[in-house]
Amino acid sequence: MGKEKTMTSQENEKRQYRPEDYCREDEISLIDLLLVIWKWKWLIIAGVVICVVAAAVISSRMQRIYEVSMAIEPGIAGVGQSGNFLTIDSPNNISGKIEGGVYNKKLQEYFHLNLQKHKLEFKSNPIKGASLIKITSRWEEGDVSIGMKISGQLLEFLGDDYSKVIKQMMDNYEQQIKINMDRIENFQNELQLHQAMYMNIQQRKKRIVEEIRNVNKNMNKIVNKIDSFENPDDSFSVVLHAMTIQQNLVYSQLNNQLYDLESREKDIEAMSAGLKKSISDVMSKMNELQFKKGLISNIKVVQQPEVSPNPVAPKKKQIILLAGMASLLIFIFLAFFIEYIRNARCPAGMK
């Protein structure tokens, strides 16, 4: 038993101190990683410096890019039921047409552009919370002037594109306004006719009232004359009685005529009041049409094309920083790879 225990302990010691076990460890401590990095520090530093310098040189020789930006607002087509303005087209649709290159062919033909040299690419972004659209394009330093001209012409093409819609809407409102103006003119002519009839009735009423007064005077004279006769059966008295009856008939006829004229007068007043109300209603509707017509507008340029004060590309600092970070990772990986290759030969070297 003692011999077996002694042999077992000796075997364990041999297994514990075998050199191969140091080369086959699966778990690597943080200090080992730092030691590898420190061992190959000059390789890592030299590689990072070379990559950073190369990135700086390349980025400094790259063509500088400037951004031309502008902002537009869709035209107004009217007012909705809730009081909000209705646009002739949605900002998203306008942006889609610009980015989709709808106007690129027109611009190419207008400026005789070489697409291999001047690539037309516009970015259009509707601004949230506002009915504004920001349009941007990027141009090389030598093409900034042509980029400004192209951007300005794009605004004109946009306006021309929607001018047909604007004209159609304006013509529609003009037609409605003309119809209402004709209605007002007809109402006014009819009102003038009623006013003339009313004045005629007023004059006829005056004449009839005067005639009634005269009839009353004559009747009073005849009655007084009859009363002065002592013999009522006198022939002259009979004539006077006949005249009284005749005057009563005339008086009755005149009163009937006066009543008819007053009835017609009231009818004309009612019709005139109706015509005035109709004219007022049509005028209100026409004013509303005029207001809506005045609201119609084409695309509004909120910001004319402007060039960015500084280049937007290349971003030298960002390029150098990315080059430094990427090269650092690459050379650290390379240091571990070299160390791994060297350690993989450890058992054969120790034999």
Protein backbone atom coordinates (compact mmCIF):
# COMPACT_ATOMS: atom_id res chain seq x y z
CA MET A 1 0.00 0.00 0.00
CA GLY A 2 2.80 2.40 0.86
CA LYS A 3 4.58 1.73 -2.42
CA GLU A 4 1.39 2.33 -4.43
CA LYS A 5 0.79 5.67 -2.67
CA THR A 6 4.39 6.71 -3.30
CA MET A 7 4.15 5.84 -7.00
CA THR A 8 0.83 7.71 -7.33
CA SER A 9 2.23 10.89 -5.78
CA GLN A 10 5.30 10.73 -8.03
CA GLU A 11 3.11 10.35 -11.11
CA ASN A 12 0.97 13.32 -10.05
CA GLU A 13 4.08 15.46 -9.59
CA LYS A 14 5.32 14.47 -13.05
CA ARG A 15 1.95 15.30 -14.56
CA GLN A 16 1.84 18.63 -12.70
CA TYR A 17 5.21 19.88 -13.93
CA ARG A 18 5.08 18.75 -17.57
CA PRO A 19 6.15 21.66 -19.87
CA GLU A 20 3.50 20.81 -22.47
CA ASP A 21 0.79 21.83 -20.01
CA TYR A 22 1.91 25.50 -20.20
CA CYS A 23 1.41 25.51 -23.97
CA ARG A 24 -2.01 23.86 -23.81
CA GLU A 25 -3.76 26.12 -21.33
CA ASP A 26 -7.28 27.07 -22.59
CA GLU A 27 -7.83 29.96 -20.20
CA ILE A 28 -5.74 33.07 -20.81
CA SER A 29 -5.58 35.74 -18.13
CA LEU A 30 -5.85 39.48 -18.80
CA ILE A 31 -2.22 40.02 -17.81
CA ASP A 32 -1.15 37.58 -20.53
CA LEU A 33 -3.06 39.63 -23.13
CA LEU A 34 -1.45 42.83 -21.91
CA LEU A 35 1.97 41.20 -21.99
CA VAL A 36 1.44 40.17 -25.62
CA ILE A 37 0.38 43.71 -26.54
CA TRP A 38 3.38 45.16 -24.69
CA LYS A 39 5.70 42.69 -26.40
CA TRP A 40 4.55 43.80 -29.87
CA LYS A 41 3.94 47.45 -28.97
CA TRP A 42 6.33 48.86 -31.54
CA LEU A 43 4.72 46.86 -34.32
CA ILE A 44 1.27 48.12 -33.27
CA ILE A 45 2.42 51.73 -32.84
CA ALA A 46 4.31 51.77 -36.14
CA GLY A 47 1.38 50.25 -38.02
CA VAL A 48 -1.16 52.70 -36.54
CA VAL A 49 1.08 55.70 -37.27
CA ILE A 50 1.61 54.60 -40.87
CA CYS A 51 -2.14 54.08 -41.44
CA VAL A 52 -3.05 57.40 -39.83
CA VAL A 53 -0.47 59.30 -41.90
CA ALA A 54 -1.68 57.53 -45.06
CA ALA A 55 -5.30 58.39 -44.26
CA ALA A 56 -4.37 62.03 -43.62
CA VAL A 57 -2.47 62.27 -46.91
CA ILE A 58 -5.24 60.60 -48.92
CA SER A 59 -8.03 62.68 -47.34
CA SER A 60 -6.10 65.90 -47.96
CA ARG A 61 -5.85 65.05 -51.66
CA MET A 62 -9.53 64.15 -51.99
CA GLN A 63 -11.81 66.60 -53.79
CA ARG A 64 -13.69 68.90 -51.40
CA ILE A 65 -17.47 68.60 -51.57
CA TYR A 66 -19.88 71.45 -50.76
CA GLU A 67 -23.61 71.24 -50.12
CA VAL A 68 -26.20 73.43 -51.82
CA SER A 69 -29.40 73.64 -49.77
CA MET A 70 -32.77 75.34 -50.20
CA ALA A 71 -36.24 75.15 -48.63
CA ILE A 72 -39.68 75.33 -50.21
CA GLU A 73 -43.26 75.31 -49.00
CA PRO A 74 -46.08 73.61 -50.95
CA GLY A 75 -48.62 75.95 -52.53
CA ILE A 76 -52.01 76.50 -50.91
CA ALA A 77 -55.14 75.18 -52.59
CA GLY A 78 -57.74 76.32 -50.06
CA VAL A 79 -58.99 75.95 -46.51
CA GLY A 80 -60.37 72.75 -45.00
CA GLN A 81 -63.46 72.39 -42.86
CA SER A 82 -61.37 72.49 -39.69
CA GLY A 83 -59.70 75.73 -40.79
CA ASN A 84 -56.39 74.19 -41.85
CA PHE A 85 -54.77 75.08 -45.16
CA LEU A 86 -55.01 72.55 -47.98
CA THR A 87 -51.89 72.23 -50.15
CA ILE A 88 -51.81 71.66 -53.88
CA ASP A 89 -49.66 68.59 -53.22
CA SER A 90 -48.36 66.82 -50.14
CA PRO A 91 -44.74 67.44 -49.00
CA ASN A 92 -44.04 63.70 -49.21
CA ASN A 93 -45.23 63.54 -52.82
CA ILE A 94 -43.17 66.57 -53.81
CA SER A 95 -40.11 65.08 -52.09
CA GLY A 96 -40.67 61.78 -53.87
CA LYS A 97 -40.78 63.50 -57.26
CA ILE A 98 -37.54 65.38 -56.57
CA GLU A 99 -35.62 62.38 -55.25
CA GLY A 100 -37.11 60.16 -57.95
CA GLY A 101 -35.43 62.28 -60.63
CA VAL A 102 -38.62 63.52 -62.30
CA TYR A 103 -36.95 66.82 -63.19
CA ASN A 104 -33.44 65.49 -63.86
CA LYS A 105 -33.99 64.99 -67.58
CA LYS A 106 -35.32 68.54 -67.97
CA LEU A 107 -32.30 69.89 -66.09
CA GLN A 108 -29.94 67.81 -68.20
CA GLU A 109 -31.45 69.10 -71.44
CA TYR A 110 -31.65 72.69 -70.18
CA PHE A 111 -27.97 72.89 -69.14
CA HIS A 112 -26.62 70.34 -71.69
CA LEU A 113 -25.05 68.40 -68.84
CA ASN A 114 -22.64 65.52 -69.14
CA LEU A 115 -24.02 62.99 -66.65
CA GLN A 116 -20.64 61.31 -66.32
CA LYS A 117 -19.17 64.57 -65.04
CA HIS A 118 -22.20 66.13 -63.35
CA LYS A 119 -24.30 63.60 -61.54
CA LEU A 120 -27.71 64.97 -60.59
CA GLU A 121 -28.72 63.69 -57.18
CA PHE A 122 -31.05 65.66 -54.94
CA LYS A 123 -32.14 64.75 -51.43
CA SER A 124 -35.50 66.07 -50.29
CA ASN A 125 -36.69 65.81 -46.70
CA PRO A 126 -40.03 67.13 -45.37
CA ILE A 127 -39.51 68.91 -42.05
CA LYS A 128 -41.66 67.40 -39.30
CA GLY A 129 -44.13 69.75 -37.68
CA ALA A 130 -44.03 72.17 -40.60
CA SER A 131 -45.10 72.12 -44.23
CA LEU A 132 -41.53 72.76 -45.36
CA ILE A 133 -39.30 70.70 -47.62
CA LYS A 134 -35.52 70.93 -47.46
CA ILE A 135 -33.72 70.11 -50.71
CA THR A 136 -29.97 69.45 -50.74
CA SER A 137 -27.38 68.43 -53.30
CA ARG A 138 -23.62 67.94 -53.17
CA TRP A 139 -21.12 69.36 -55.62
CA GLU A 140 -17.39 69.30 -56.04
CA GLU A 141 -15.56 72.54 -55.35
CA GLY A 142 -15.22 73.39 -59.04
CA ASP A 143 -18.91 72.70 -59.78
CA VAL A 144 -20.48 74.76 -56.99
CA SER A 145 -21.51 77.58 -59.35
CA ILE A 146 -23.26 75.24 -61.78
CA GLY A 147 -24.83 73.49 -58.78
CA MET A 148 -26.35 76.80 -57.67
CA LYS A 149 -27.77 77.41 -61.14
CA ILE A 150 -29.19 73.89 -61.39
CA SER A 151 -30.80 74.19 -57.95
CA GLY A 152 -32.39 77.51 -58.91
CA GLN A 153 -33.69 76.06 -62.16
CA LEU A 154 -35.15 73.12 -60.26
CA LEU A 155 -37.26 75.59 -58.28
CA GLU A 156 -38.51 77.13 -61.53
CA PHE A 157 -39.41 73.72 -62.94
CA LEU A 158 -41.30 72.93 -59.76
CA GLY A 159 -43.25 76.17 -60.05
CA ASP A 160 -43.99 75.56 -63.74
CA ASP A 161 -45.13 72.03 -62.98
CA TYR A 162 -47.78 73.20 -60.51
CA SER A 163 -48.67 76.40 -62.39
CA LYS A 164 -51.06 74.41 -64.59
CA VAL A 165 -52.90 73.15 -61.53
CA ILE A 166 -52.95 76.67 -60.11
CA LYS A 167 -54.33 78.11 -63.36
CA GLN A 168 -57.04 75.46 -63.53
CA MET A 169 -58.13 76.19 -59.97
CA MET A 170 -58.05 79.95 -60.57
CA ASP A 171 -60.12 79.56 -63.76
CA ASN A 172 -62.64 77.46 -61.85
CA TYR A 173 -63.04 80.15 -59.21
CA GLU A 174 -63.22 82.85 -61.90
CA GLN A 175 -66.02 80.97 -63.60
CA GLN A 176 -67.96 80.62 -60.36
CA ILE A 177 -67.42 84.30 -59.56
CA LYS A 178 -68.65 85.30 -63.04
CA ILE A 179 -71.78 83.18 -62.62
CA ASN A 180 -72.53 84.85 -59.30
CA MET A 181 -71.86 88.31 -60.75
CA ASP A 182 -74.37 87.56 -63.51
CA ARG A 183 -76.89 86.47 -60.90
CA ILE A 184 -76.34 89.68 -58.95
CA GLU A 185 -76.81 91.72 -62.11
CA ASN A 186 -80.07 89.92 -62.89
CA PHE A 187 -81.30 90.44 -59.33
CA GLN A 188 -80.37 94.12 -59.49
CA ASN A 189 -82.20 94.59 -62.80
CA GLU A 190 -85.25 92.88 -61.36
CA LEU A 191 -84.99 95.01 -58.23
CA GLN A 192 -84.84 98.18 -60.33
CA LEU A 193 -87.94 97.05 -62.19
CA HIS A 194 -89.75 96.48 -58.90
CA GLN A 195 -88.63 99.86 -57.65
CA ALA A 196 -89.99 101.50 -60.81
CA MET A 197 -93.29 99.68 -60.34
CA TYR A 198 -93.32 100.76 -56.71
CA MET A 199 -92.80 104.41 -57.68
CA ASN A 200 -95.58 104.14 -60.27
CA ILE A 201 -97.94 102.72 -57.67
CA GLN A 202 -97.02 105.53 -55.28
CA GLN A 203 -97.91 108.12 -57.92
CA ARG A 204 -101.18 106.38 -58.78
CA LYS A 205 -102.07 106.20 -55.09
CA LYS A 206 -101.51 109.94 -54.79
CA ARG A 207 -103.81 110.64 -57.74
CA ILE A 208 -106.52 108.31 -56.40
CA VAL A 209 -106.31 109.85 -52.92
CA GLU A 210 -106.70 113.25 -54.53
CA GLU A 211 -109.68 112.05 -56.56
CA ILE A 212 -111.27 110.61 -53.41
CA ARG A 213 -110.89 113.96 -51.71
CA ASN A 214 -112.56 115.67 -54.65
CA VAL A 215 -115.39 113.13 -54.63
CA ASN A 216 -115.90 113.74 -50.91
CA LYS A 217 -116.01 117.47 -51.49
CA ASN A 218 -118.56 117.10 -54.30
CA MET A 219 -120.68 114.75 -52.21
CA ASN A 220 -120.68 117.19 -49.32
CA LYS A 221 -121.76 119.99 -51.64
CA ILE A 222 -124.54 117.90 -53.11
CA VAL A 223 -125.78 116.82 -49.70
CA ASN A 224 -125.79 120.41 -48.48
CA LYS A 225 -127.65 121.46 -51.61
CA ILE A 226 -130.26 118.75 -51.13
CA ASP A 227 -130.75 119.75 -47.53
CA SER A 228 -131.42 123.32 -48.62
CA PHE A 229 -134.44 122.29 -50.69
CA GLU A 230 -137.81 122.55 -48.90
CA ASN A 231 -139.51 120.18 -51.30
CA PRO A 232 -137.58 116.93 -51.59
CA ASP A 233 -139.72 115.87 -54.55
CA ASP A 234 -138.47 118.68 -56.66
CA SER A 235 -137.04 117.55 -59.98
CA PHE A 236 -133.72 119.26 -59.33
CA SER A 237 -133.52 117.49 -56.00
CA VAL A 238 -134.04 114.16 -57.76
CA VAL A 239 -131.14 114.97 -60.07
CA LEU A 240 -128.96 115.77 -57.08
CA HIS A 241 -129.86 112.43 -55.49
CA ALA A 242 -128.85 110.68 -58.69
CA MET A 243 -125.57 112.56 -58.66
CA THR A 244 -125.02 111.48 -55.04
CA ILE A 245 -125.48 107.86 -56.00
CA GLN A 246 -123.06 108.29 -58.88
CA GLN A 247 -120.46 109.92 -56.59
CA ASN A 248 -120.83 107.03 -54.15
CA LEU A 249 -120.13 104.58 -56.93
CA VAL A 250 -117.06 106.53 -57.97
CA TYR A 251 -115.94 106.73 -54.37
CA SER A 252 -116.32 102.96 -53.98
CA GLN A 253 -114.41 102.29 -57.19
CA LEU A 254 -111.60 104.61 -56.15
CA ASN A 255 -111.33 102.90 -52.74
CA ASN A 256 -111.18 99.52 -54.43
CA GLN A 257 -108.43 100.74 -56.71
CA LEU A 258 -106.57 102.16 -53.72
CA TYR A 259 -106.86 98.83 -51.89
CA ASP A 260 -105.55 96.95 -54.92
CA LEU A 261 -102.62 99.34 -55.24
CA GLU A 262 -101.76 98.96 -51.55
CA SER A 263 -101.87 95.16 -51.91
CA ARG A 264 -99.58 95.33 -54.94
CA GLU A 265 -97.34 97.72 -53.04
CA LYS A 266 -96.94 95.23 -50.20
CA ASP A 267 -96.22 92.42 -52.67
CA ILE A 268 -93.57 94.51 -54.38
CA GLU A 269 -92.00 95.41 -51.03
CA ALA A 270 -91.86 91.70 -50.10
CA MET A 271 -90.36 90.78 -53.48
CA SER A 272 -87.86 93.63 -53.24
CA ALA A 273 -86.83 92.49 -49.76
CA GLY A 274 -86.36 88.95 -51.12
CA LEU A 275 -84.27 90.24 -54.00
CA LYS A 276 -82.10 92.29 -51.63
CA LYS A 277 -81.54 89.22 -49.46
CA SER A 278 -80.68 87.15 -52.53
CA ILE A 279 -78.21 89.81 -53.65
CA SER A 280 -76.68 89.87 -50.16
CA ASP A 281 -76.37 86.05 -50.09
CA VAL A 282 -74.79 85.93 -53.53
CA MET A 283 -72.43 88.76 -52.58
CA SER A 284 -71.35 86.82 -49.47
CA LYS A 285 -70.77 83.72 -51.57
CA MET A 286 -68.85 85.73 -54.16
CA ASN A 287 -66.68 87.31 -51.45
CA GLU A 288 -65.97 83.84 -50.11
CA LEU A 289 -64.97 82.71 -53.60
CA GLN A 290 -62.75 85.78 -53.95
CA PHE A 291 -61.13 84.96 -50.60
CA LYS A 292 -60.51 81.34 -51.58
CA LYS A 293 -59.14 82.44 -54.92
CA GLY A 294 -56.78 84.85 -53.17
CA LEU A 295 -55.44 82.03 -51.00
CA ILE A 296 -54.36 79.94 -53.96
CA SER A 297 -50.60 80.11 -54.39
CA ASN A 298 -47.83 78.22 -56.11
CA ILE A 299 -44.81 76.68 -54.42
CA LYS A 300 -43.17 79.26 -52.16
CA VAL A 301 -39.38 79.47 -51.90
CA VAL A 302 -38.64 79.89 -48.21
CA GLN A 303 -34.86 79.71 -48.63
CA GLN A 304 -33.04 80.46 -51.85
CA PRO A 305 -30.17 78.10 -52.82
CA GLU A 306 -27.22 78.58 -50.45
CA VAL A 307 -23.76 76.99 -50.37
CA SER A 308 -22.48 75.55 -47.13
CA PRO A 309 -19.67 77.73 -45.70
CA ASN A 310 -17.45 74.69 -45.10
CA PRO A 311 -16.99 71.47 -47.09
CA VAL A 312 -19.28 68.63 -46.03
CA ALA A 313 -16.91 66.02 -47.44
CA PRO A 314 -14.39 64.58 -47.06
CA LYS A 315 -14.55 64.59 -43.28
CA LYS A 316 -10.83 64.45 -42.61
CA LYS A 317 -10.98 64.09 -38.85
CA GLN A 318 -13.52 61.29 -39.10
CA ILE A 319 -11.45 59.49 -41.76
CA ILE A 320 -8.25 59.77 -39.70
CA LEU A 321 -10.03 58.63 -36.53
CA LEU A 322 -11.59 55.63 -38.27
CA ALA A 323 -8.25 54.76 -39.89
CA GLY A 324 -6.52 54.93 -36.50
CA MET A 325 -9.13 52.79 -34.75
CA ALA A 326 -9.30 50.22 -37.54
CA SER A 327 -5.50 49.94 -37.83
CA LEU A 328 -5.17 49.62 -34.05
CA LEU A 329 -7.57 46.66 -34.01
CA ILE A 330 -5.91 45.09 -37.05
CA PHE A 331 -2.38 45.31 -35.66
CA ILE A 332 -3.45 44.08 -32.21
CA PHE A 333 -5.03 41.09 -33.92
CA LEU A 334 -1.84 40.64 -35.96
CA ALA A 335 0.27 40.67 -32.76
CA PHE A 336 -1.91 37.96 -31.19
CA PHE A 337 -1.81 35.95 -34.41
CA ILE A 338 1.99 36.06 -34.54
CA GLU A 339 2.18 35.11 -30.85
CA TYR A 340 -0.21 32.25 -31.45
CA ILE A 341 1.90 30.93 -34.33
CA ARG A 342 5.02 31.08 -32.21
CA ASN A 343 3.40 29.37 -29.24
CA ALA A 344 1.95 26.67 -31.47
CA ARG A 345 5.54 25.50 -32.08
CA CYS A 346 6.38 25.43 -28.36
CA PRO A 347 6.24 21.61 -27.80
CA ALA A 348 8.43 20.79 -30.76
CA GLY A 349 11.02 23.37 -29.68
CA MET A 350 11.25 22.01 -26.18
CA LYS A 351 11.98 18.45 -27.26
